[in-house]
Amino acid sequence: MDDLKAKYLSAIADAGDESTLEDLRLQAVGKKGEVSLKMRELGKMTPEERQTAGPALNALKDEINSALAAKKAALGDAALDARLRAEWLDVTLPARGTARQGTIHPVSQVWEECTAIFADMGFAVAEGPQVETDWYNFDALNIPGHHPARAEMDTFYMHRATGDNRPPHVLRTHTSPVQIRSMQEQGAPIRIIAPGRVYRADFDQTHTPMFHQVEGLALDKDLSMANLKWVLEEFFTAYFGTKVKTRFRASHFPFTEPSAEVDIQCSWENGTVKVGEGDGWLEVLGSGMVHPHVLRAGGVDPDKWQGFAFGMGIDRIAMLKYGIPDLRAFFDSDLRWLRHYGFSALQVPTIRGGV
């Protein structure tokens, strides 16, 4: 066995390719290999001889197999290294004429447009987790336990193990929890927007289970609905590239008081919407003055601070601006659709250059 071990370990070390290595494997541990034939001779031995020869043969077989595997890996690494040296490519070279350039998704583009516009008005970007606790997603926002939004038909709840009495986790239904976290971390005054993915159990032409929102929060000592109206009109004017009038309608949201739904001026012609002209109105977002209970949940004293909040769908305003008829197409991964509605990587939104 010592002779077999030395013979095959030496031959494996000298093997120059995988074909030679496979031949050595068959010669050594294949069905008719030398080690396999030795193992068949165990039946002719006495029990005392088998107790010595059996473990030694098994150890020899394992050692040869390990050497074969290590050599095969080394040959593979050497082949890959040679291929990488031979196929070197300068990735800074321009693409060939037949290559298709990638495009920026409309959601990503509008996300950046919103960030640029609000940044010009002094709003910072805040982020938070997409899997939220029930408290941050509902309780801290003054949403009572009996509210329809907390039903499983509307909200995706995370699975809990039997006997787990901790508060449930949900896929966040809005980016409002980011407002609570930001207030807890920064206090007041504060001025932020919170763009991000949100999740609700809905799916049709204008709803998808996952979509994108951008919410805003501003807190100071003397903010009012007038400031809210100015901010929104400035945003829509910059976003659509034309003067846009807004109309506030009284509404109710648990996290704001007073609350208002906001419409923008538009006209309807041949099934298309033109923003900033005409006698029509289109609802685009909800807003209001932050409820005192929400301020307290964020660690802010409502007797000293007040402010406004608003939220709108990024996908919806992308559909409005770029004439996209079906929200579901945003998530179909259709390259033809993306090439039609996508943006060049060089089309970076800026206030000065125009969004």
Protein backbone atom coordinates (compact mmCIF):
# COMPACT_ATOMS: atom_id res chain seq x y z
CA MET A 1 0.00 0.00 0.00
CA ASP A 2 2.91 2.38 0.63
CA ASP A 3 4.09 1.71 -2.93
CA LEU A 4 0.58 2.42 -4.33
CA LYS A 5 0.35 5.60 -2.30
CA ALA A 6 3.70 6.93 -3.50
CA LYS A 7 2.97 5.91 -7.10
CA TYR A 8 -0.39 7.62 -7.43
CA LEU A 9 0.30 10.72 -5.35
CA SER A 10 3.38 11.38 -7.49
CA ALA A 11 1.46 10.77 -10.74
CA ILE A 12 -1.39 13.05 -9.62
CA ALA A 13 1.05 15.83 -8.75
CA ASP A 14 2.63 15.58 -12.23
CA ALA A 15 -0.71 15.48 -14.15
CA GLY A 16 -0.92 18.35 -16.63
CA ASP A 17 -4.59 18.23 -17.60
CA GLU A 18 -7.97 16.91 -16.45
CA SER A 19 -7.95 14.06 -19.00
CA THR A 20 -4.77 12.62 -17.48
CA LEU A 21 -6.23 13.11 -14.03
CA GLU A 22 -9.35 11.12 -14.95
CA ASP A 23 -7.19 8.25 -16.29
CA LEU A 24 -5.31 8.15 -12.99
CA ARG A 25 -8.57 8.09 -11.06
CA LEU A 26 -9.78 5.06 -13.01
CA GLN A 27 -6.42 3.29 -12.56
CA ALA A 28 -6.42 3.88 -8.83
CA VAL A 29 -9.98 3.90 -7.43
CA GLY A 30 -12.14 2.99 -10.41
CA LYS A 31 -14.13 -0.28 -10.36
CA LYS A 32 -11.11 -2.15 -11.77
CA GLY A 33 -8.49 0.12 -10.20
CA GLU A 34 -5.61 -1.17 -8.15
CA VAL A 35 -6.96 0.07 -4.81
CA SER A 36 -10.41 -1.34 -5.59
CA LEU A 37 -8.90 -4.75 -6.41
CA LYS A 38 -6.98 -4.68 -3.13
CA MET A 39 -10.21 -4.03 -1.26
CA ARG A 40 -11.80 -7.10 -2.86
CA GLU A 41 -9.02 -9.22 -1.39
CA LEU A 42 -10.22 -8.37 2.13
CA GLY A 43 -12.71 -11.24 1.93
CA LYS A 44 -9.86 -13.76 1.65
CA MET A 45 -8.11 -12.47 4.76
CA THR A 46 -8.50 -13.61 8.36
CA PRO A 47 -10.52 -11.35 10.69
CA GLU A 48 -7.28 -10.18 12.33
CA GLU A 49 -5.76 -9.22 8.96
CA ARG A 50 -8.94 -7.39 7.90
CA GLN A 51 -8.87 -5.29 11.06
CA THR A 52 -5.47 -3.93 9.97
CA ALA A 53 -5.78 -3.90 6.18
CA GLY A 54 -9.35 -2.55 5.96
CA PRO A 55 -8.78 0.84 7.66
CA ALA A 56 -5.45 1.24 5.85
CA LEU A 57 -7.08 0.70 2.44
CA ASN A 58 -9.92 3.09 3.24
CA ALA A 59 -7.41 5.72 4.34
CA LEU A 60 -5.42 5.20 1.12
CA LYS A 61 -8.56 5.57 -1.01
CA ASP A 62 -9.58 8.77 0.82
CA GLU A 63 -6.08 10.24 0.45
CA ILE A 64 -5.99 9.53 -3.30
CA ASN A 65 -9.49 11.00 -3.77
CA SER A 66 -8.48 14.14 -1.85
CA ALA A 67 -5.36 14.51 -3.97
CA LEU A 68 -7.42 14.10 -7.15
CA ALA A 69 -9.93 16.78 -6.03
CA ALA A 70 -7.19 19.23 -5.04
CA LYS A 71 -5.34 18.77 -8.32
CA LYS A 72 -8.57 19.18 -10.32
CA ALA A 73 -9.30 22.46 -8.54
CA ALA A 74 -5.75 23.68 -9.16
CA LEU A 75 -5.99 22.83 -12.86
CA GLY A 76 -9.34 24.66 -13.06
CA ASP A 77 -7.87 27.76 -11.41
CA ALA A 78 -4.90 27.71 -13.78
CA ALA A 79 -7.17 27.38 -16.82
CA LEU A 80 -9.35 30.28 -15.62
CA ASP A 81 -6.29 32.44 -14.98
CA ALA A 82 -4.97 31.74 -18.49
CA ARG A 83 -8.37 32.51 -20.01
CA LEU A 84 -8.65 35.80 -18.14
CA ARG A 85 -5.21 36.85 -19.38
CA ALA A 86 -6.08 35.88 -22.95
CA GLU A 87 -9.54 37.50 -22.95
CA TRP A 88 -8.49 40.85 -21.43
CA LEU A 89 -10.91 43.63 -22.33
CA ASP A 90 -10.79 47.40 -21.91
CA VAL A 91 -14.23 48.16 -20.42
CA THR A 92 -13.70 51.88 -21.06
CA LEU A 93 -13.92 51.35 -24.82
CA PRO A 94 -17.19 52.53 -26.44
CA ALA A 95 -19.83 49.89 -27.11
CA ARG A 96 -20.02 48.38 -30.57
CA GLY A 97 -22.82 49.43 -32.88
CA THR A 98 -24.76 46.22 -32.33
CA ALA A 99 -24.73 46.57 -28.52
CA ARG A 100 -27.80 48.07 -26.85
CA GLN A 101 -27.27 50.70 -24.20
CA GLY A 102 -28.99 50.36 -20.85
CA THR A 103 -31.64 52.84 -19.72
CA ILE A 104 -32.79 54.29 -16.42
CA HIS A 105 -36.21 53.08 -15.23
CA PRO A 106 -38.89 55.84 -15.08
CA VAL A 107 -39.38 55.22 -11.36
CA SER A 108 -35.68 55.76 -10.69
CA GLN A 109 -35.70 58.89 -12.83
CA VAL A 110 -38.74 60.42 -11.11
CA TRP A 111 -37.32 59.45 -7.70
CA GLU A 112 -34.24 61.53 -8.53
CA GLU A 113 -36.37 64.36 -9.92
CA CYS A 114 -38.34 64.58 -6.66
CA THR A 115 -35.14 64.49 -4.61
CA ALA A 116 -33.61 67.33 -6.66
CA ILE A 117 -36.70 69.56 -6.44
CA PHE A 118 -37.27 69.12 -2.71
CA ALA A 119 -33.54 69.46 -1.99
CA ASP A 120 -33.71 72.89 -3.62
CA MET A 121 -36.35 73.78 -1.01
CA GLY A 122 -34.18 72.54 1.86
CA PHE A 123 -35.57 69.02 2.35
CA ALA A 124 -33.12 66.25 3.23
CA VAL A 125 -33.68 62.60 2.25
CA ALA A 126 -34.47 60.14 5.06
CA GLU A 127 -34.69 56.35 4.84
CA GLY A 128 -36.02 53.54 7.00
CA PRO A 129 -36.60 49.75 6.99
CA GLN A 130 -39.17 48.19 4.66
CA VAL A 131 -40.11 45.60 7.30
CA GLU A 132 -41.61 47.64 10.13
CA THR A 133 -43.10 46.96 13.53
CA ASP A 134 -46.84 47.30 13.94
CA TRP A 135 -46.18 50.24 16.27
CA TYR A 136 -44.18 52.34 13.81
CA ASN A 137 -46.47 51.54 10.89
CA PHE A 138 -49.80 52.12 12.67
CA ASP A 139 -49.86 53.00 16.38
CA ALA A 140 -47.32 55.82 16.25
CA LEU A 141 -49.28 57.34 13.37
CA ASN A 142 -52.51 57.49 15.38
CA ILE A 143 -54.11 54.67 13.35
CA PRO A 144 -56.50 52.82 15.73
CA GLY A 145 -56.66 49.05 16.02
CA HIS A 146 -60.05 48.83 14.27
CA HIS A 147 -58.93 50.84 11.23
CA PRO A 148 -59.51 48.96 7.90
CA ALA A 149 -55.90 49.54 6.83
CA ARG A 150 -54.77 47.15 9.59
CA ALA A 151 -56.80 44.24 8.20
CA GLU A 152 -54.93 41.35 6.59
CA MET A 153 -56.80 41.96 3.34
CA ASP A 154 -54.93 45.27 3.01
CA THR A 155 -51.62 44.74 4.82
CA PHE A 156 -48.91 42.08 4.49
CA TYR A 157 -48.13 40.73 7.97
CA MET A 158 -44.96 38.74 8.66
CA HIS A 159 -45.28 35.17 9.93
CA ARG A 160 -44.86 34.67 13.66
CA ALA A 161 -43.97 31.45 15.46
CA THR A 162 -46.64 29.92 17.68
CA GLY A 163 -46.51 31.47 21.13
CA ASP A 164 -44.62 34.56 19.98
CA ASN A 165 -46.26 37.43 21.90
CA ARG A 166 -44.10 40.21 20.47
CA PRO A 167 -45.82 42.92 18.34
CA PRO A 168 -46.23 41.76 14.74
CA HIS A 169 -44.07 43.01 11.88
CA VAL A 170 -45.49 44.18 8.55
CA LEU A 171 -44.27 45.18 5.12
CA ARG A 172 -44.67 48.92 5.53
CA THR A 173 -47.82 50.29 3.90
CA HIS A 174 -46.40 53.83 3.60
CA THR A 175 -43.13 55.63 4.27
CA SER A 176 -44.68 57.54 7.20
CA PRO A 177 -42.79 55.38 9.75
CA VAL A 178 -39.64 57.10 8.47
CA GLN A 179 -41.11 60.39 9.74
CA ILE A 180 -41.47 58.93 13.25
CA ARG A 181 -37.93 57.54 13.22
CA SER A 182 -36.54 60.85 11.93
CA MET A 183 -38.31 62.83 14.65
CA GLN A 184 -36.97 60.46 17.29
CA GLU A 185 -33.42 60.78 15.96
CA GLN A 186 -33.31 64.48 15.03
CA GLY A 187 -36.13 66.17 16.93
CA ALA A 188 -37.43 69.52 15.70
CA PRO A 189 -37.07 71.64 13.62
CA ILE A 190 -36.87 69.19 10.75
CA ARG A 191 -37.47 69.15 7.02
CA ILE A 192 -37.26 65.78 5.24
CA ILE A 193 -38.67 63.71 2.40
CA ALA A 194 -38.94 59.92 2.64
CA PRO A 195 -38.99 58.18 -0.76
CA GLY A 196 -39.16 54.39 -0.86
CA ARG A 197 -40.96 51.14 -1.61
CA VAL A 198 -44.25 50.35 0.12
CA TYR A 199 -46.56 47.34 0.05
CA ARG A 200 -50.33 46.84 -0.01
CA ALA A 201 -52.53 43.90 -1.01
CA ASP A 202 -53.96 45.40 -4.20
CA PHE A 203 -53.46 44.75 -7.93
CA ASP A 204 -55.14 46.34 -10.95
CA GLN A 205 -54.42 48.91 -13.67
CA THR A 206 -53.65 51.65 -11.14
CA HIS A 207 -52.52 49.55 -8.12
CA THR A 208 -49.72 47.03 -7.55
CA PRO A 209 -48.75 45.06 -4.39
CA MET A 210 -45.44 46.94 -4.30
CA PHE A 211 -45.14 50.56 -5.37
CA HIS A 212 -43.19 53.71 -4.55
CA GLN A 213 -44.08 56.72 -2.44
CA VAL A 214 -42.44 59.97 -1.44
CA GLU A 215 -43.62 61.62 1.77
CA GLY A 216 -42.60 64.95 3.22
CA LEU A 217 -42.42 66.33 6.75
CA ALA A 218 -41.64 69.85 7.94
CA LEU A 219 -41.71 70.94 11.59
CA ASP A 220 -41.07 74.38 13.02
CA LYS A 221 -42.70 76.85 15.40
CA ASP A 222 -44.90 78.75 12.96
CA LEU A 223 -45.63 76.53 9.93
CA SER A 224 -49.17 76.47 8.54
CA MET A 225 -51.28 75.12 5.69
CA ALA A 226 -50.19 78.15 3.67
CA ASN A 227 -46.60 76.90 3.78
CA LEU A 228 -47.79 73.46 2.73
CA LYS A 229 -49.64 74.91 -0.25
CA TRP A 230 -46.60 76.91 -1.35
CA VAL A 231 -44.28 73.89 -1.13
CA LEU A 232 -46.62 71.69 -3.19
CA GLU A 233 -47.25 74.32 -5.86
CA GLU A 234 -43.53 74.96 -6.18
CA PHE A 235 -42.91 71.22 -6.51
CA PHE A 236 -45.55 70.63 -9.18
CA THR A 237 -44.46 73.69 -11.16
CA ALA A 238 -40.85 72.49 -11.20
CA TYR A 239 -41.82 68.87 -11.84
CA PHE A 240 -44.23 69.46 -14.75
CA GLY A 241 -42.34 72.45 -16.12
CA THR A 242 -45.38 74.74 -16.09
CA LYS A 243 -47.29 76.78 -13.54
CA VAL A 244 -49.66 74.40 -11.74
CA LYS A 245 -52.56 75.49 -9.56
CA THR A 246 -53.66 73.33 -6.65
CA ARG A 247 -57.00 72.86 -4.89
CA PHE A 248 -57.31 71.63 -1.31
CA ARG A 249 -60.36 69.56 -0.32
CA ALA A 250 -61.15 68.76 3.30
CA SER A 251 -60.55 65.10 4.13
CA HIS A 252 -59.61 62.87 7.07
CA PHE A 253 -56.37 61.03 7.81
CA PRO A 254 -55.58 59.70 11.30
CA PHE A 255 -52.08 61.20 11.28
CA THR A 256 -52.99 64.79 10.27
CA GLU A 257 -55.46 67.39 11.60
CA PRO A 258 -56.70 69.24 9.66
CA SER A 259 -56.32 67.00 6.62
CA ALA A 260 -56.72 67.77 2.94
CA GLU A 261 -56.63 65.96 -0.37
CA VAL A 262 -54.83 67.96 -3.04
CA ASP A 263 -55.95 68.28 -6.66
CA ILE A 264 -53.93 69.79 -9.50
CA GLN A 265 -55.31 71.74 -12.43
CA CYS A 266 -55.59 69.74 -15.67
CA SER A 267 -57.52 69.22 -18.88
CA TRP A 268 -58.67 66.00 -20.55
CA GLU A 269 -58.24 65.77 -24.33
CA ASN A 270 -58.66 62.58 -26.37
CA GLY A 271 -58.09 60.41 -23.32
CA THR A 272 -54.89 62.16 -22.26
CA VAL A 273 -54.26 64.46 -19.30
CA LYS A 274 -52.56 67.84 -19.68
CA VAL A 275 -51.43 69.28 -16.36
CA GLY A 276 -51.44 73.02 -15.66
CA GLU A 277 -54.25 74.03 -18.02
CA GLY A 278 -58.00 73.65 -18.42
CA ASP A 279 -60.91 73.54 -16.01
CA GLY A 280 -60.47 69.99 -14.71
CA TRP A 281 -58.95 68.76 -11.48
CA LEU A 282 -57.03 65.57 -10.66
CA GLU A 283 -56.38 64.24 -7.16
CA VAL A 284 -52.68 63.51 -6.63
CA LEU A 285 -51.91 63.35 -2.90
CA GLY A 286 -53.02 63.59 0.72
CA SER A 287 -51.67 66.11 3.21
CA GLY A 288 -52.34 68.07 6.38
CA MET A 289 -50.95 69.43 9.62
CA VAL A 290 -49.23 66.76 11.71
CA HIS A 291 -51.50 65.41 14.46
CA PRO A 292 -50.32 66.13 18.05
CA HIS A 293 -50.41 62.39 18.87
CA VAL A 294 -47.96 61.73 16.01
CA LEU A 295 -45.64 64.47 17.28
CA ARG A 296 -45.67 62.94 20.76
CA ALA A 297 -44.90 59.48 19.32
CA GLY A 298 -41.87 61.04 17.62
CA GLY A 299 -40.72 62.64 20.86
CA VAL A 300 -41.67 66.19 19.82
CA ASP A 301 -43.64 68.55 22.09
CA PRO A 302 -46.83 69.60 20.20
CA ASP A 303 -47.17 72.65 22.45
CA LYS A 304 -43.90 74.06 21.03
CA TRP A 305 -43.75 72.66 17.50
CA GLN A 306 -46.13 72.20 14.60
CA GLY A 307 -45.77 71.31 10.96
CA PHE A 308 -47.19 69.68 7.87
CA ALA A 309 -46.86 66.35 6.09
CA PHE A 310 -47.80 65.05 2.65
CA GLY A 311 -47.47 61.88 0.61
CA MET A 312 -47.79 60.97 -3.06
CA GLY A 313 -47.13 57.98 -5.30
CA ILE A 314 -43.94 58.21 -7.36
CA ASP A 315 -45.33 55.73 -9.89
CA ARG A 316 -48.53 57.76 -10.28
CA ILE A 317 -46.82 61.07 -10.97
CA ALA A 318 -44.45 59.27 -13.37
CA MET A 319 -47.50 58.02 -15.28
CA LEU A 320 -48.90 61.56 -15.37
CA LYS A 321 -45.73 63.25 -16.62
CA TYR A 322 -44.58 60.66 -19.14
CA GLY A 323 -47.93 59.37 -20.43
CA ILE A 324 -47.63 55.80 -19.15
CA PRO A 325 -51.12 54.21 -19.20
CA ASP A 326 -50.74 51.10 -17.00
CA LEU A 327 -49.01 50.94 -13.62
CA ARG A 328 -48.45 47.17 -13.91
CA ALA A 329 -46.09 47.69 -16.85
CA PHE A 330 -43.58 49.29 -14.45
CA PHE A 331 -42.85 45.83 -13.01
CA ASP A 332 -43.20 43.54 -16.07
CA SER A 333 -39.44 43.53 -16.91
CA ASP A 334 -40.25 44.14 -20.59
CA LEU A 335 -37.10 45.48 -22.25
CA ARG A 336 -39.09 46.93 -25.15
CA TRP A 337 -41.15 48.98 -22.69
CA LEU A 338 -38.03 50.11 -20.85
CA ARG A 339 -36.27 51.15 -24.06
CA HIS A 340 -39.33 53.22 -24.98
CA TYR A 341 -39.93 54.90 -21.60
CA GLY A 342 -36.41 54.67 -20.14
CA PHE A 343 -33.89 57.50 -19.75
CA SER A 344 -30.25 57.88 -20.66
CA ALA A 345 -27.82 57.54 -17.78
CA LEU A 346 -26.61 61.06 -18.63
CA GLN A 347 -30.07 62.59 -18.10
CA VAL A 348 -29.39 63.51 -14.47
CA PRO A 349 -32.24 65.64 -13.02
CA THR A 350 -31.15 69.08 -11.85
CA ILE A 351 -33.11 72.23 -11.10
CA ARG A 352 -30.78 74.31 -13.25
CA GLY A 353 -30.80 71.93 -16.20
CA GLY A 354 -34.48 71.10 -15.85
CA VAL A 355 -36.08 67.91 -14.61
